[in-house]
PDB file of N, CA and C in Angstrom:
ATOM      1  N   MET A   1       0.815  -1.192   0.000  1.00  0.00           N
ATOM      2  CA  MET A   1       0.000   0.000   0.000  1.00  0.00           C
ATOM      3  C   MET A   1       0.864   1.263   0.000  1.00  0.00           C
ATOM      4  N   ASP A   2       2.042   1.186   0.603  1.00  0.00           N
ATOM      5  CA  ASP A   2       2.916   2.360   0.626  1.00  0.00           C
ATOM      6  C   ASP A   2       3.310   2.808  -0.780  1.00  0.00           C
ATOM      7  N   ASP A   3       3.524   1.847  -1.688  1.00  0.00           N
ATOM      8  CA  ASP A   3       3.880   2.198  -3.065  1.00  0.00           C
ATOM      9  C   ASP A   3       2.743   2.938  -3.756  1.00  0.00           C
ATOM     10  N   LEU A   4       1.521   2.511  -3.540  1.00  0.00           N
ATOM     11  CA  LEU A   4       0.365   3.180  -4.140  1.00  0.00           C
ATOM     12  C   LEU A   4       0.235   4.600  -3.598  1.00  0.00           C
ATOM     13  N   ILE A   5       0.376   4.756  -2.304  1.00  0.00           N
ATOM     14  CA  ILE A   5       0.284   6.089  -1.697  1.00  0.00           C
ATOM     15  C   ILE A   5       1.393   6.985  -2.230  1.00  0.00           C
ATOM     16  N   GLU A   6       2.591   6.453  -2.374  1.00  0.00           N
ATOM     17  CA  GLU A   6       3.702   7.241  -2.921  1.00  0.00           C
ATOM     18  C   GLU A   6       3.399   7.688  -4.347  1.00  0.00           C
ATOM     19  N   ALA A   7       2.890   6.777  -5.178  1.00  0.00           N
ATOM     20  CA  ALA A   7       2.570   7.121  -6.568  1.00  0.00           C
ATOM     21  C   ALA A   7       1.501   8.201  -6.635  1.00  0.00           C
ATOM     22  N   LEU A   8       0.447   8.059  -5.848  1.00  0.00           N
ATOM     23  CA  LEU A   8      -0.619   9.058  -5.853  1.00  0.00           C
ATOM     24  C   LEU A   8      -0.120  10.405  -5.342  1.00  0.00           C
ATOM     25  N   THR A   9       0.778  10.385  -4.377  1.00  0.00           N
ATOM     26  CA  THR A   9       1.349  11.626  -3.853  1.00  0.00           C
ATOM     27  C   THR A   9       2.179  12.333  -4.920  1.00  0.00           C
ATOM     28  N   ILE A  10       2.951  11.567  -5.683  1.00  0.00           N
ATOM     29  CA  ILE A  10       3.732  12.157  -6.779  1.00  0.00           C
ATOM     30  C   ILE A  10       2.796  12.810  -7.790  1.00  0.00           C
ATOM     31  N   MET A  11       1.756  12.105  -8.197  1.00  0.00           N
ATOM     32  CA  MET A  11       0.828  12.648  -9.192  1.00  0.00           C
ATOM     33  C   MET A  11       0.071  13.853  -8.649  1.00  0.00           C
ATOM     34  N   ARG A  12      -0.281  13.807  -7.380  1.00  0.00           N
ATOM     35  CA  ARG A  12      -1.045  14.902  -6.769  1.00  0.00           C
ATOM     36  C   ARG A  12      -0.302  16.229  -6.865  1.00  0.00           C
ATOM     37  N   LYS A  13       1.001  16.194  -6.787  1.00  0.00           N
ATOM     38  CA  LYS A  13       1.798  17.423  -6.858  1.00  0.00           C
ATOM     39  C   LYS A  13       1.696  18.108  -8.213  1.00  0.00           C
ATOM     40  N   HIS A  14       1.244  17.377  -9.230  1.00  0.00           N
ATOM     41  CA  HIS A  14       1.288  17.899 -10.596  1.00  0.00           C
ATOM     42  C   HIS A  14      -0.077  17.950 -11.275  1.00  0.00           C
ATOM     43  N   VAL A  15      -1.151  17.784 -10.527  1.00  0.00           N
ATOM     44  CA  VAL A  15      -2.487  17.825 -11.108  1.00  0.00           C
ATOM     45  C   VAL A  15      -3.293  18.921 -10.401  1.00  0.00           C
ATOM     46  N   PRO A  16      -4.134  19.647 -11.113  1.00  0.00           N
ATOM     47  CA  PRO A  16      -4.937  20.690 -10.476  1.00  0.00           C
ATOM     48  C   PRO A  16      -5.824  20.116  -9.371  1.00  0.00           C
ATOM     49  N   ALA A  17      -5.934  20.847  -8.272  1.00  0.00           N
ATOM     50  CA  ALA A  17      -6.708  20.387  -7.115  1.00  0.00           C
ATOM     51  C   ALA A  17      -8.185  20.221  -7.436  1.00  0.00           C
ATOM     52  N   ASP A  18      -8.690  20.964  -8.416  1.00  0.00           N
ATOM     53  CA  ASP A  18     -10.115  20.909  -8.722  1.00  0.00           C
ATOM     54  C   ASP A  18     -10.467  19.861  -9.786  1.00  0.00           C
ATOM     55  N   ARG A  19      -9.506  19.053 -10.169  1.00  0.00           N
ATOM     56  CA  ARG A  19      -9.783  18.040 -11.190  1.00  0.00           C
ATOM     57  C   ARG A  19     -10.745  16.997 -10.621  1.00  0.00           C
ATOM     58  N   GLY A  20     -11.852  16.812 -11.276  1.00  0.00           N
ATOM     59  CA  GLY A  20     -12.829  15.826 -10.828  1.00  0.00           C
ATOM     60  C   GLY A  20     -12.552  14.456 -11.411  1.00  0.00           C
ATOM     61  N   TRP A  21     -13.050  13.438 -10.786  1.00  0.00           N
ATOM     62  CA  TRP A  21     -12.931  12.063 -11.253  1.00  0.00           C
ATOM     63  C   TRP A  21     -11.496  11.703 -11.634  1.00  0.00           C
ATOM     64  N   PRO A  22     -10.564  11.758 -10.678  1.00  0.00           N
ATOM     65  CA  PRO A  22      -9.160  11.522 -11.022  1.00  0.00           C
ATOM     66  C   PRO A  22      -8.790  10.055 -11.227  1.00  0.00           C
ATOM     67  N   THR A  23      -9.640   9.132 -10.790  1.00  0.00           N
ATOM     68  CA  THR A  23      -9.284   7.716 -10.911  1.00  0.00           C
ATOM     69  C   THR A  23     -10.412   6.916 -11.542  1.00  0.00           C
ATOM     70  N   ASN A  24     -10.038   5.749 -12.057  1.00  0.00           N
ATOM     71  CA  ASN A  24     -11.004   4.824 -12.638  1.00  0.00           C
ATOM     72  C   ASN A  24     -10.386   3.427 -12.584  1.00  0.00           C
ATOM     73  N   CYS A  25     -11.214   2.436 -12.498  1.00  0.00           N
ATOM     74  CA  CYS A  25     -10.736   1.063 -12.534  1.00  0.00           C
ATOM     75  C   CYS A  25     -11.471   0.340 -13.656  1.00  0.00           C
ATOM     76  N   VAL A  26     -10.703  -0.211 -14.598  1.00  0.00           N
ATOM     77  CA  VAL A  26     -11.269  -0.914 -15.740  1.00  0.00           C
ATOM     78  C   VAL A  26     -10.602  -2.282 -15.813  1.00  0.00           C
ATOM     79  N   HIS A  27     -11.409  -3.305 -15.741  1.00  0.00           N
ATOM     80  CA  HIS A  27     -10.900  -4.677 -15.730  1.00  0.00           C
ATOM     81  C   HIS A  27      -9.868  -4.808 -14.608  1.00  0.00           C
ATOM     82  N   GLU A  28      -8.646  -5.045 -14.917  1.00  0.00           N
ATOM     83  CA  GLU A  28      -7.616  -5.210 -13.885  1.00  0.00           C
ATOM     84  C   GLU A  28      -6.652  -4.024 -13.839  1.00  0.00           C
ATOM     85  N   GLU A  29      -7.099  -2.857 -14.308  1.00  0.00           N
ATOM     86  CA  GLU A  29      -6.231  -1.684 -14.395  1.00  0.00           C
ATOM     87  C   GLU A  29      -6.765  -0.540 -13.540  1.00  0.00           C
ATOM     88  N   LEU A  30      -5.897   0.038 -12.733  1.00  0.00           N
ATOM     89  CA  LEU A  30      -6.200   1.275 -12.022  1.00  0.00           C
ATOM     90  C   LEU A  30      -5.693   2.418 -12.883  1.00  0.00           C
ATOM     91  N   TRP A  31      -6.566   3.383 -13.166  1.00  0.00           N
ATOM     92  CA  TRP A  31      -6.198   4.550 -13.972  1.00  0.00           C
ATOM     93  C   TRP A  31      -6.213   5.808 -13.107  1.00  0.00           C
ATOM     94  N   VAL A  32      -5.214   6.661 -13.320  1.00  0.00           N
ATOM     95  CA  VAL A  32      -5.163   7.986 -12.698  1.00  0.00           C
ATOM     96  C   VAL A  32      -4.966   8.975 -13.836  1.00  0.00           C
ATOM     97  N   TYR A  33      -5.923   9.918 -13.987  1.00  0.00           N
ATOM     98  CA  TYR A  33      -5.910  10.847 -15.127  1.00  0.00           C
ATOM     99  C   TYR A  33      -5.198  12.142 -14.782  1.00  0.00           C
ATOM    100  N   GLY A  34      -4.373  12.617 -15.786  1.00  0.00           N
ATOM    101  CA  GLY A  34      -3.522  13.757 -15.580  1.00  0.00           C
ATOM    102  C   GLY A  34      -2.384  13.306 -14.714  1.00  0.00           C
ATOM    103  N   PRO A  35      -1.451  13.926 -14.366  1.00  0.00           N
ATOM    104  CA  PRO A  35      -0.697  14.908 -15.133  1.00  0.00           C
ATOM    105  C   PRO A  35       0.154  14.231 -16.201  1.00  0.00           C
ATOM    106  N   SER A  36       0.343  14.882 -17.294  1.00  0.00           N
ATOM    107  CA  SER A  36       1.164  14.349 -18.380  1.00  0.00           C
ATOM    108  C   SER A  36       2.628  14.299 -17.968  1.00  0.00           C
ATOM    109  N   PRO A  37       3.358  13.287 -18.435  1.00  0.00           N
ATOM    110  CA  PRO A  37       4.788  13.213 -18.118  1.00  0.00           C
ATOM    111  C   PRO A  37       5.582  14.433 -18.594  1.00  0.00           C
ATOM    112  N   VAL A  38       5.112  15.101 -19.636  1.00  0.00           N
ATOM    113  CA  VAL A  38       5.836  16.290 -20.112  1.00  0.00           C
ATOM    114  C   VAL A  38       5.716  17.449 -19.127  1.00  0.00           C
ATOM    115  N   ASP A  39       4.739  17.387 -18.229  1.00  0.00           N
ATOM    116  CA  ASP A  39       4.535  18.430 -17.227  1.00  0.00           C
ATOM    117  C   ASP A  39       5.150  18.073 -15.877  1.00  0.00           C
ATOM    118  N   MET A  40       5.914  16.993 -15.849  1.00  0.00           N
ATOM    119  CA  MET A  40       6.485  16.507 -14.594  1.00  0.00           C
ATOM    120  C   MET A  40       8.007  16.415 -14.714  1.00  0.00           C
ATOM    121  N   PRO A  41       8.703  16.513 -13.590  1.00  0.00           N
ATOM    122  CA  PRO A  41      10.151  16.289 -13.633  1.00  0.00           C
ATOM    123  C   PRO A  41      10.446  14.846 -14.051  1.00  0.00           C
ATOM    124  N   LYS A  42      11.537  14.664 -14.755  1.00  0.00           N
ATOM    125  CA  LYS A  42      11.925  13.330 -15.216  1.00  0.00           C
ATOM    126  C   LYS A  42      12.032  12.348 -14.043  1.00  0.00           C
ATOM    127  N   SER A  43      12.519  12.811 -12.909  1.00  0.00           N
ATOM    128  CA  SER A  43      12.671  11.934 -11.746  1.00  0.00           C
ATOM    129  C   SER A  43      11.321  11.404 -11.257  1.00  0.00           C
ATOM    130  N   ALA A  44      10.272  12.220 -11.356  1.00  0.00           N
ATOM    131  CA  ALA A  44       8.930  11.784 -10.949  1.00  0.00           C
ATOM    132  C   ALA A  44       8.402  10.723 -11.908  1.00  0.00           C
ATOM    133  N   VAL A  45       8.628  10.919 -13.200  1.00  0.00           N
ATOM    134  CA  VAL A  45       8.191   9.954 -14.210  1.00  0.00           C
ATOM    135  C   VAL A  45       8.895   8.616 -14.004  1.00  0.00           C
ATOM    136  N   VAL A  46      10.191   8.672 -13.782  1.00  0.00           N
ATOM    137  CA  VAL A  46      10.959   7.448 -13.557  1.00  0.00           C
ATOM    138  C   VAL A  46      10.442   6.725 -12.315  1.00  0.00           C
ATOM    139  N   ARG A  47      10.180   7.472 -11.258  1.00  0.00           N
ATOM    140  CA  ARG A  47       9.698   6.833 -10.026  1.00  0.00           C
ATOM    141  C   ARG A  47       8.327   6.212 -10.221  1.00  0.00           C
ATOM    142  N   LEU A  48       7.429   6.873 -10.941  1.00  0.00           N
ATOM    143  CA  LEU A  48       6.107   6.294 -11.214  1.00  0.00           C
ATOM    144  C   LEU A  48       6.246   4.992 -11.993  1.00  0.00           C
ATOM    145  N   GLU A  49       7.154   4.970 -12.939  1.00  0.00           N
ATOM    146  CA  GLU A  49       7.383   3.743 -13.693  1.00  0.00           C
ATOM    147  C   GLU A  49       7.933   2.643 -12.789  1.00  0.00           C
ATOM    148  N   GLU A  50       8.807   2.990 -11.866  1.00  0.00           N
ATOM    149  CA  GLU A  50       9.312   2.016 -10.893  1.00  0.00           C
ATOM    150  C   GLU A  50       8.200   1.477 -10.009  1.00  0.00           C
ATOM    151  N   LEU A  51       7.184   2.302  -9.771  1.00  0.00           N
ATOM    152  CA  LEU A  51       6.042   1.913  -8.936  1.00  0.00           C
ATOM    153  C   LEU A  51       4.940   1.231  -9.751  1.00  0.00           C
ATOM    154  N   SER A  52       5.249   0.874 -10.977  1.00  0.00           N
ATOM    155  CA  SER A  52       4.353   0.098 -11.861  1.00  0.00           C
ATOM    156  C   SER A  52       3.260   0.913 -12.535  1.00  0.00           C
ATOM    157  N   PHE A  53       3.480   2.206 -12.741  1.00  0.00           N
ATOM    158  CA  PHE A  53       2.534   3.013 -13.498  1.00  0.00           C
ATOM    159  C   PHE A  53       3.115   3.326 -14.872  1.00  0.00           C
ATOM    160  N   THR A  54       2.269   3.286 -15.885  1.00  0.00           N
ATOM    161  CA  THR A  54       2.661   3.550 -17.269  1.00  0.00           C
ATOM    162  C   THR A  54       1.746   4.629 -17.830  1.00  0.00           C
ATOM    163  N   TRP A  55       2.319   5.583 -18.538  1.00  0.00           N
ATOM    164  CA  TRP A  55       1.542   6.652 -19.170  1.00  0.00           C
ATOM    165  C   TRP A  55       0.950   6.149 -20.479  1.00  0.00           C
ATOM    166  N   ASP A  56      -0.307   6.507 -20.761  1.00  0.00           N
ATOM    167  CA  ASP A  56      -0.970   6.176 -22.015  1.00  0.00           C
ATOM    168  C   ASP A  56      -1.399   7.478 -22.682  1.00  0.00           C
ATOM    169  N   ASP A  57      -0.788   7.799 -23.841  1.00  0.00           N
ATOM    170  CA  ASP A  57      -1.096   9.041 -24.554  1.00  0.00           C
ATOM    171  C   ASP A  57      -2.545   9.111 -25.011  1.00  0.00           C
ATOM    172  N   GLU A  58      -3.065   7.994 -25.494  1.00  0.00           N
ATOM    173  CA  GLU A  58      -4.425   7.987 -26.033  1.00  0.00           C
ATOM    174  C   GLU A  58      -5.468   8.309 -24.957  1.00  0.00           C
ATOM    175  N   CYS A  59      -5.321   7.730 -23.786  1.00  0.00           N
ATOM    176  CA  CYS A  59      -6.286   7.942 -22.700  1.00  0.00           C
ATOM    177  C   CYS A  59      -5.897   9.100 -21.785  1.00  0.00           C
ATOM    178  N   GLU A  60      -4.693   9.624 -21.987  1.00  0.00           N
ATOM    179  CA  GLU A  60      -4.180  10.738 -21.186  1.00  0.00           C
ATOM    180  C   GLU A  60      -4.235  10.430 -19.696  1.00  0.00           C
ATOM    181  N   GLY A  61      -3.675   9.283 -19.355  1.00  0.00           N
ATOM    182  CA  GLY A  61      -3.643   8.892 -17.949  1.00  0.00           C
ATOM    183  C   GLY A  61      -2.585   7.850 -17.678  1.00  0.00           C
ATOM    184  N   TRP A  62      -2.337   7.651 -16.403  1.00  0.00           N
ATOM    185  CA  TRP A  62      -1.409   6.628 -15.924  1.00  0.00           C
ATOM    186  C   TRP A  62      -2.215   5.396 -15.559  1.00  0.00           C
ATOM    187  N   PHE A  63      -1.702   4.207 -15.872  1.00  0.00           N
ATOM    188  CA  PHE A  63      -2.400   2.993 -15.464  1.00  0.00           C
ATOM    189  C   PHE A  63      -1.431   2.018 -14.824  1.00  0.00           C
ATOM    190  N   SER A  64      -1.986   1.165 -13.991  1.00  0.00           N
ATOM    191  CA  SER A  64      -1.194   0.145 -13.316  1.00  0.00           C
ATOM    192  C   SER A  64      -1.982  -1.146 -13.233  1.00  0.00           C
ATOM    193  N   LEU A  65      -1.377  -2.227 -13.636  1.00  0.00           N
ATOM    194  CA  LEU A  65      -1.968  -3.551 -13.457  1.00  0.00           C
ATOM    195  C   LEU A  65      -1.731  -4.056 -12.040  1.00  0.00           C
ATOM    196  N   ARG A  66      -0.771  -3.486 -11.386  1.00  0.00           N
ATOM    197  CA  ARG A  66      -0.413  -3.922 -10.034  1.00  0.00           C
ATOM    198  C   ARG A  66      -1.469  -3.550  -8.996  1.00  0.00           C
ATOM    199  N   PHE A  67      -2.109  -2.401  -9.160  1.00  0.00           N
ATOM    200  CA  PHE A  67      -3.034  -1.909  -8.144  1.00  0.00           C
ATOM    201  C   PHE A  67      -4.500  -1.992  -8.535  1.00  0.00           C
ATOM    202  N   GLY A  68      -4.804  -2.436  -9.735  1.00  0.00           N
ATOM    203  CA  GLY A  68      -6.179  -2.424 -10.196  1.00  0.00           C
ATOM    204  C   GLY A  68      -6.864  -3.760 -10.068  1.00  0.00           C
ATOM    205  N   SER A  69      -8.121  -3.705  -9.697  1.00  0.00           N
ATOM    206  CA  SER A  69      -8.951  -4.897  -9.666  1.00  0.00           C
ATOM    207  C   SER A  69     -10.404  -4.458  -9.596  1.00  0.00           C
ATOM    208  N   CYS A  70     -11.230  -5.032 -10.439  1.00  0.00           N
ATOM    209  CA  CYS A  70     -12.651  -4.682 -10.436  1.00  0.00           C
ATOM    210  C   CYS A  70     -13.483  -5.920 -10.143  1.00  0.00           C
TER     211      CYS A  70
END
């Protein structure tokens, strides 16, 4: 659970506070929408990838198979 909290904390620093519906779970994937990797420091992107999150350009969000389950 600490890894999930760390990942969400990293993303929280780079997404507007008023963004609604920031997460979604589809099949076995947890999605977190926003912030784009181009708007984040490289070190944050690398750490999210280490924590099992991958950016998807088409859906404009980060997803993880590690933390998702529906």
